[in-house]
Amino acid sequence: MTEIVPFEAEAKLDWISMARAIEAGHDLPPAQVTDTFLYRGEDTLLNRSAWIEGLGIAVKVASIFPGNEGPSVNGAVTLLSDTDGTLEAVVDFHLVTKWKTAADSLLGAMKLARPDSREILIVGAGNVASSLREAYGAAFPEARFTVWNRSRGGAERLCAQHPDIEIAEDLEQAVRRADIVTCATMAKAPVVRGDWLKPGAHLDLIGAFTPQMREADDRALQRARIFVDSRATTLDHIGELKIPLEAGAISRADVVAEFSEPEAFRRESDEEITLFKNGGGAHLDLMVARHILDRWRSA
């Protein structure tokens, strides 16, 4: 088994290559994926497993304890051989999650956002926000970044890490200006309104991961052309789409494409609004863990 040192592994990775690794992973045979959730009040245990022929097997265990004083999400990712099922590596959970989450959204934006996007708004200043600044900055190097957070203190901490980010005082006005809105919150009720989105905007939704959570309202879904990383891990599992589907606000036919359908996964005009739901999924953990292991071994 290969031992990967997270700090040293980070130095061997870059955001564009990671996004392309996710893209390449979808050229392989479809993943077998399963998710299971266990609950104790607000605490959640999430088990995600994936098998992709030619890439291997990954099992990710995540514990989500919102009341923690320290990190609220922890766990581990195991990577097994596609050939004989032997354990190849145990990859640091936070390393895989950081690169998977932001690179998944980055690939969506590289395919859907206008290439001339110059105003990027980050909604939510938690752990994911810093990764989003790095990832989006790699593909949109001339963009100006703004952050809005429920508490100003959180926004100030993010700006201390990335001094080029400006704080938005008013969410509605910030959304109306933005070419790209990337939303990574723990919201259970919509924080982004569809009527705020300007023509040509791209909305990236990351935070919702349970059937009760969502970050955008029905109007946003109705105004936009909707894309997902995977229908199997989003439509019936995450409130962002599950709730409006059950209410009849949108239909399954409104979901244009997933990553495994590259010909349909694209913007059709400069004026249309695009929406990408980043659902995560064990197949993405597998693609990212494999890329990390390959980079580690090649170095």
Protein backbone atom coordinates (compact mmCIF):
# COMPACT_ATOMS: atom_id res chain seq x y z
CA MET A 1 0.00 0.00 0.00
CA THR A 2 1.24 3.47 -0.91
CA GLU A 3 1.45 6.03 1.89
CA ILE A 4 0.56 9.51 0.67
CA VAL A 5 1.67 12.52 2.71
CA PRO A 6 -1.08 15.15 2.27
CA PHE A 7 1.13 18.25 2.51
CA GLU A 8 3.62 16.88 -0.01
CA ALA A 9 0.86 15.60 -2.30
CA GLU A 10 -0.68 19.08 -2.54
CA ALA A 11 2.52 20.41 -4.10
CA LYS A 12 2.12 17.95 -6.98
CA LEU A 13 -1.45 18.97 -7.88
CA ASP A 14 -3.00 21.78 -9.90
CA TRP A 15 -6.64 22.71 -10.45
CA ILE A 16 -6.83 22.50 -14.23
CA SER A 17 -5.24 19.05 -14.34
CA MET A 18 -7.57 17.84 -11.60
CA ALA A 19 -10.63 19.11 -13.49
CA ARG A 20 -9.37 17.37 -16.63
CA ALA A 21 -8.86 14.15 -14.66
CA ILE A 22 -12.52 14.28 -13.66
CA GLU A 23 -13.46 14.92 -17.28
CA ALA A 24 -11.35 11.95 -18.43
CA GLY A 25 -12.89 9.74 -15.77
CA HIS A 26 -16.27 10.21 -17.41
CA ASP A 27 -14.92 8.76 -20.67
CA LEU A 28 -14.60 5.38 -18.92
CA PRO A 29 -17.45 2.90 -18.45
CA PRO A 30 -20.24 4.22 -16.20
CA ALA A 31 -19.57 4.04 -12.49
CA GLN A 32 -21.45 1.78 -10.14
CA VAL A 33 -22.28 4.08 -7.23
CA THR A 34 -24.12 3.70 -3.96
CA ASP A 35 -24.71 6.12 -1.07
CA THR A 36 -26.02 5.36 2.41
CA PHE A 37 -26.91 7.83 5.16
CA LEU A 38 -27.25 7.27 8.89
CA TYR A 39 -28.56 9.99 11.19
CA ARG A 40 -28.46 10.91 14.87
CA GLY A 41 -30.25 14.20 15.21
CA GLU A 42 -28.18 16.77 13.30
CA ASP A 43 -25.21 14.37 13.02
CA THR A 44 -24.80 12.37 9.81
CA LEU A 45 -22.72 9.39 8.69
CA LEU A 46 -22.35 9.19 4.92
CA ASN A 47 -20.86 6.17 3.16
CA ARG A 48 -20.12 6.50 -0.55
CA SER A 49 -18.76 3.71 -2.74
CA ALA A 50 -17.86 3.63 -6.43
CA TRP A 51 -16.42 1.16 -8.91
CA ILE A 52 -15.27 2.23 -12.37
CA GLU A 53 -13.84 -0.40 -14.68
CA GLY A 54 -10.30 0.59 -15.55
CA LEU A 55 -9.97 2.98 -12.60
CA GLY A 56 -10.66 0.93 -9.50
CA ILE A 57 -12.77 1.06 -6.36
CA ALA A 58 -13.16 3.82 -3.78
CA VAL A 59 -15.00 3.81 -0.48
CA LYS A 60 -15.42 7.16 1.28
CA VAL A 61 -16.70 7.47 4.83
CA ALA A 62 -17.73 10.94 6.00
CA SER A 63 -18.99 11.99 9.41
CA ILE A 64 -20.78 15.35 9.53
CA PHE A 65 -21.12 16.78 13.06
CA PRO A 66 -22.33 20.41 12.70
CA GLY A 67 -21.86 21.09 16.43
CA ASN A 68 -18.12 20.44 16.45
CA GLU A 69 -15.84 23.25 17.59
CA GLY A 70 -13.22 21.95 15.16
CA PRO A 71 -13.78 20.49 11.68
CA SER A 72 -17.40 19.41 11.31
CA VAL A 73 -16.70 16.93 8.48
CA ASN A 74 -14.18 14.10 8.85
CA GLY A 75 -13.55 10.63 7.45
CA ALA A 76 -11.33 8.55 5.18
CA VAL A 77 -11.03 7.43 1.54
CA THR A 78 -9.79 3.95 0.65
CA LEU A 79 -8.63 3.19 -2.88
CA LEU A 80 -8.60 -0.41 -4.10
CA SER A 81 -7.20 -2.02 -7.23
CA ASP A 82 -9.50 -2.68 -10.16
CA THR A 83 -7.43 -5.76 -11.01
CA ASP A 84 -7.45 -7.76 -7.79
CA GLY A 85 -9.25 -5.63 -5.20
CA THR A 86 -6.20 -5.12 -3.03
CA LEU A 87 -5.81 -1.93 -1.00
CA GLU A 88 -3.67 0.55 -2.92
CA ALA A 89 -3.88 3.60 -0.68
CA VAL A 90 -5.71 5.30 2.14
CA VAL A 91 -5.91 8.90 0.95
CA ASP A 92 -6.46 11.76 3.37
CA PHE A 93 -10.17 12.58 3.51
CA HIS A 94 -9.71 16.35 3.59
CA LEU A 95 -7.22 16.25 0.69
CA VAL A 96 -9.64 14.32 -1.54
CA THR A 97 -12.66 16.37 -0.51
CA LYS A 98 -10.93 19.71 -1.07
CA TRP A 99 -9.77 18.86 -4.57
CA LYS A 100 -12.89 16.91 -5.56
CA THR A 101 -15.36 19.56 -4.47
CA ALA A 102 -13.75 22.59 -6.07
CA ALA A 103 -12.49 20.78 -9.19
CA ASP A 104 -15.96 19.34 -9.85
CA SER A 105 -17.42 22.85 -9.82
CA LEU A 106 -14.49 24.18 -11.80
CA LEU A 107 -15.07 21.64 -14.58
CA GLY A 108 -18.73 22.64 -14.65
CA ALA A 109 -17.77 26.32 -14.98
CA MET A 110 -15.14 25.62 -17.64
CA LYS A 111 -17.89 24.03 -19.73
CA LEU A 112 -20.81 26.31 -18.88
CA ALA A 113 -19.69 29.76 -17.73
CA ARG A 114 -18.91 32.46 -20.24
CA PRO A 115 -15.13 32.50 -20.90
CA ASP A 116 -15.15 36.28 -20.46
CA SER A 117 -16.54 36.07 -16.91
CA ARG A 118 -14.88 38.74 -14.79
CA GLU A 119 -17.04 39.02 -11.65
CA ILE A 120 -17.09 35.93 -9.41
CA LEU A 121 -19.11 35.86 -6.20
CA ILE A 122 -18.46 33.26 -3.52
CA VAL A 123 -21.48 32.75 -1.25
CA GLY A 124 -20.37 31.27 2.05
CA ALA A 125 -16.96 31.65 3.66
CA GLY A 126 -16.42 28.17 5.09
CA ASN A 127 -13.62 25.73 4.31
CA VAL A 128 -14.69 25.25 0.69
CA ALA A 129 -14.52 28.98 -0.09
CA SER A 130 -10.73 29.14 -0.07
CA SER A 131 -10.53 26.18 -2.47
CA LEU A 132 -13.04 27.86 -4.77
CA ARG A 133 -10.91 31.01 -4.88
CA GLU A 134 -7.90 28.92 -5.90
CA ALA A 135 -9.78 26.77 -8.42
CA TYR A 136 -11.74 29.53 -10.16
CA GLY A 137 -8.66 31.73 -10.18
CA ALA A 138 -6.83 29.08 -12.20
CA ALA A 139 -9.41 29.13 -15.00
CA PHE A 140 -10.45 32.80 -14.77
CA PRO A 141 -7.20 34.58 -13.85
CA GLU A 142 -8.52 38.05 -14.71
CA ALA A 143 -11.64 37.79 -12.56
CA ARG A 144 -12.40 39.93 -9.51
CA PHE A 145 -13.58 37.95 -6.49
CA THR A 146 -16.19 38.94 -3.92
CA VAL A 147 -17.50 37.00 -0.92
CA TRP A 148 -20.77 37.21 0.97
CA ASN A 149 -21.24 35.39 4.25
CA ARG A 150 -23.96 35.43 6.89
CA SER A 151 -21.40 36.58 9.46
CA ARG A 152 -18.90 39.25 8.54
CA GLY A 153 -16.29 37.57 10.70
CA GLY A 154 -16.22 34.53 8.44
CA ALA A 155 -15.81 36.70 5.38
CA GLU A 156 -12.97 38.61 7.04
CA ARG A 157 -11.15 35.36 7.85
CA LEU A 158 -11.37 34.32 4.18
CA CYS A 159 -10.06 37.72 3.09
CA ALA A 160 -7.14 37.33 5.47
CA GLN A 161 -6.19 34.20 3.50
CA HIS A 162 -6.88 35.83 0.13
CA PRO A 163 -6.42 39.62 0.39
CA ASP A 164 -7.65 40.16 -3.17
CA ILE A 165 -11.20 39.10 -2.23
CA GLU A 166 -13.63 41.91 -1.44
CA ILE A 167 -16.52 41.59 1.01
CA ALA A 168 -20.05 42.09 -0.33
CA GLU A 169 -22.36 43.79 2.14
CA ASP A 170 -25.58 43.10 0.19
CA LEU A 171 -26.16 39.63 -1.26
CA GLU A 172 -28.79 40.65 -3.79
CA GLN A 173 -26.65 43.39 -5.30
CA ALA A 174 -23.61 41.11 -5.37
CA VAL A 175 -25.54 38.39 -7.21
CA ARG A 176 -26.91 40.92 -9.72
CA ARG A 177 -23.34 41.99 -10.60
CA ALA A 178 -21.82 38.52 -10.78
CA ASP A 179 -20.98 36.60 -13.94
CA ILE A 180 -20.42 33.49 -11.80
CA VAL A 181 -22.05 32.76 -8.44
CA THR A 182 -20.55 29.83 -6.59
CA CYS A 183 -22.52 28.89 -3.51
CA ALA A 184 -21.08 26.71 -0.72
CA THR A 185 -23.22 27.04 2.39
CA MET A 186 -24.98 24.77 4.87
CA ALA A 187 -28.34 26.36 4.05
CA LYS A 188 -31.57 24.41 4.37
CA ALA A 189 -33.59 27.19 2.73
CA PRO A 190 -32.69 29.09 -0.47
CA VAL A 191 -30.28 31.99 -0.12
CA VAL A 192 -29.90 32.82 -3.84
CA ARG A 193 -32.96 34.08 -5.72
CA GLY A 194 -33.39 33.41 -9.40
CA ASP A 195 -34.71 36.91 -10.09
CA TRP A 196 -31.32 38.28 -9.03
CA LEU A 197 -29.37 36.42 -11.73
CA LYS A 198 -28.39 38.49 -14.75
CA PRO A 199 -28.53 37.16 -18.33
CA GLY A 200 -25.47 35.05 -19.10
CA ALA A 201 -24.74 34.24 -15.45
CA HIS A 202 -23.54 30.84 -14.26
CA LEU A 203 -24.78 29.54 -10.89
CA ASP A 204 -22.71 26.85 -9.18
CA LEU A 205 -24.45 25.10 -6.26
CA ILE A 206 -22.28 23.06 -3.93
CA GLY A 207 -23.49 23.11 -0.33
CA ALA A 208 -26.65 20.98 -0.29
CA PHE A 209 -25.96 17.29 0.27
CA THR A 210 -29.06 15.97 2.11
CA PRO A 211 -32.72 15.69 1.01
CA GLN A 212 -33.59 18.69 3.20
CA MET A 213 -30.95 21.15 1.97
CA ARG A 214 -31.03 23.66 -0.87
CA GLU A 215 -29.32 26.96 -1.75
CA ALA A 216 -31.34 28.36 -4.71
CA ASP A 217 -35.05 28.98 -5.09
CA ASP A 218 -37.45 27.53 -7.66
CA ARG A 219 -37.16 30.66 -9.79
CA ALA A 220 -33.43 30.09 -10.27
CA LEU A 221 -34.06 26.56 -11.49
CA GLN A 222 -36.85 27.72 -13.79
CA ARG A 223 -34.81 30.52 -15.38
CA ALA A 224 -31.69 28.44 -15.93
CA ARG A 225 -30.64 25.52 -18.07
CA ILE A 226 -29.85 22.89 -15.43
CA PHE A 227 -26.80 20.61 -15.42
CA VAL A 228 -25.53 18.11 -12.84
CA ASP A 229 -22.39 16.11 -12.33
CA SER A 230 -24.53 12.97 -12.03
CA ARG A 231 -28.28 12.46 -12.17
CA ALA A 232 -27.96 9.31 -10.05
CA THR A 233 -26.47 11.14 -7.08
CA THR A 234 -28.49 14.37 -7.23
CA LEU A 235 -32.06 14.17 -8.51
CA ASP A 236 -33.51 11.82 -5.88
CA HIS A 237 -31.04 12.42 -3.08
CA ILE A 238 -30.36 16.14 -2.65
CA GLY A 239 -32.99 18.71 -1.78
CA GLU A 240 -31.66 21.19 -4.33
CA LEU A 241 -33.42 19.21 -7.05
CA LYS A 242 -35.44 16.65 -5.12
CA ILE A 243 -37.70 19.25 -3.46
CA PRO A 244 -38.63 21.23 -6.60
CA LEU A 245 -39.05 17.99 -8.57
CA GLU A 246 -41.51 16.62 -6.03
CA ALA A 247 -43.34 19.97 -5.92
CA GLY A 248 -43.63 20.11 -9.71
CA ALA A 249 -41.63 23.33 -9.97
CA ILE A 250 -39.33 21.58 -12.47
CA SER A 251 -39.36 18.23 -14.26
CA ARG A 252 -36.64 15.67 -14.90
CA ALA A 253 -36.62 16.77 -18.54
CA ASP A 254 -35.38 20.19 -17.37
CA VAL A 255 -32.05 18.62 -16.39
CA VAL A 256 -30.15 19.03 -19.64
CA ALA A 257 -27.10 16.84 -19.11
CA GLU A 258 -24.57 15.29 -16.75
CA PHE A 259 -20.81 15.02 -17.21
CA SER A 260 -21.12 11.65 -18.96
CA GLU A 261 -22.98 13.42 -21.80
CA PRO A 262 -20.26 15.79 -23.08
CA GLU A 263 -21.99 16.73 -26.33
CA ALA A 264 -24.99 18.17 -24.46
CA PHE A 265 -23.00 19.60 -21.56
CA ARG A 266 -22.40 23.08 -22.92
CA ARG A 267 -23.68 26.64 -23.05
CA GLU A 268 -25.75 27.49 -26.12
CA SER A 269 -25.81 31.29 -25.98
CA ASP A 270 -24.17 34.23 -24.20
CA GLU A 271 -27.49 35.33 -22.71
CA GLU A 272 -28.71 32.09 -21.19
CA ILE A 273 -28.36 31.39 -17.46
CA THR A 274 -26.68 28.09 -16.63
CA LEU A 275 -26.97 26.23 -13.33
CA PHE A 276 -24.69 23.42 -12.18
CA LYS A 277 -25.46 21.23 -9.19
CA ASN A 278 -22.30 19.80 -7.68
CA GLY A 279 -23.53 16.63 -6.00
CA GLY A 280 -20.17 15.10 -5.28
CA GLY A 281 -20.53 11.36 -5.38
CA ALA A 282 -18.14 8.50 -4.77
CA HIS A 283 -17.30 8.21 -8.48
CA LEU A 284 -15.70 11.67 -8.24
CA ASP A 285 -13.86 10.70 -5.06
CA LEU A 286 -12.50 7.72 -6.99
CA MET A 287 -11.39 9.85 -9.95
CA VAL A 288 -9.69 12.37 -7.68
CA ALA A 289 -8.06 9.82 -5.38
CA ARG A 290 -6.71 7.96 -8.42
CA HIS A 291 -5.29 11.19 -9.88
CA ILE A 292 -3.65 12.02 -6.54
CA LEU A 293 -2.12 8.54 -6.35
CA ASP A 294 -0.91 8.73 -9.97
CA ARG A 295 0.71 12.13 -9.36
CA TRP A 296 2.32 10.87 -6.17
CA ARG A 297 3.74 7.79 -7.87
CA SER A 298 4.99 9.70 -10.90
CA ALA A 299 6.91 12.07 -8.64
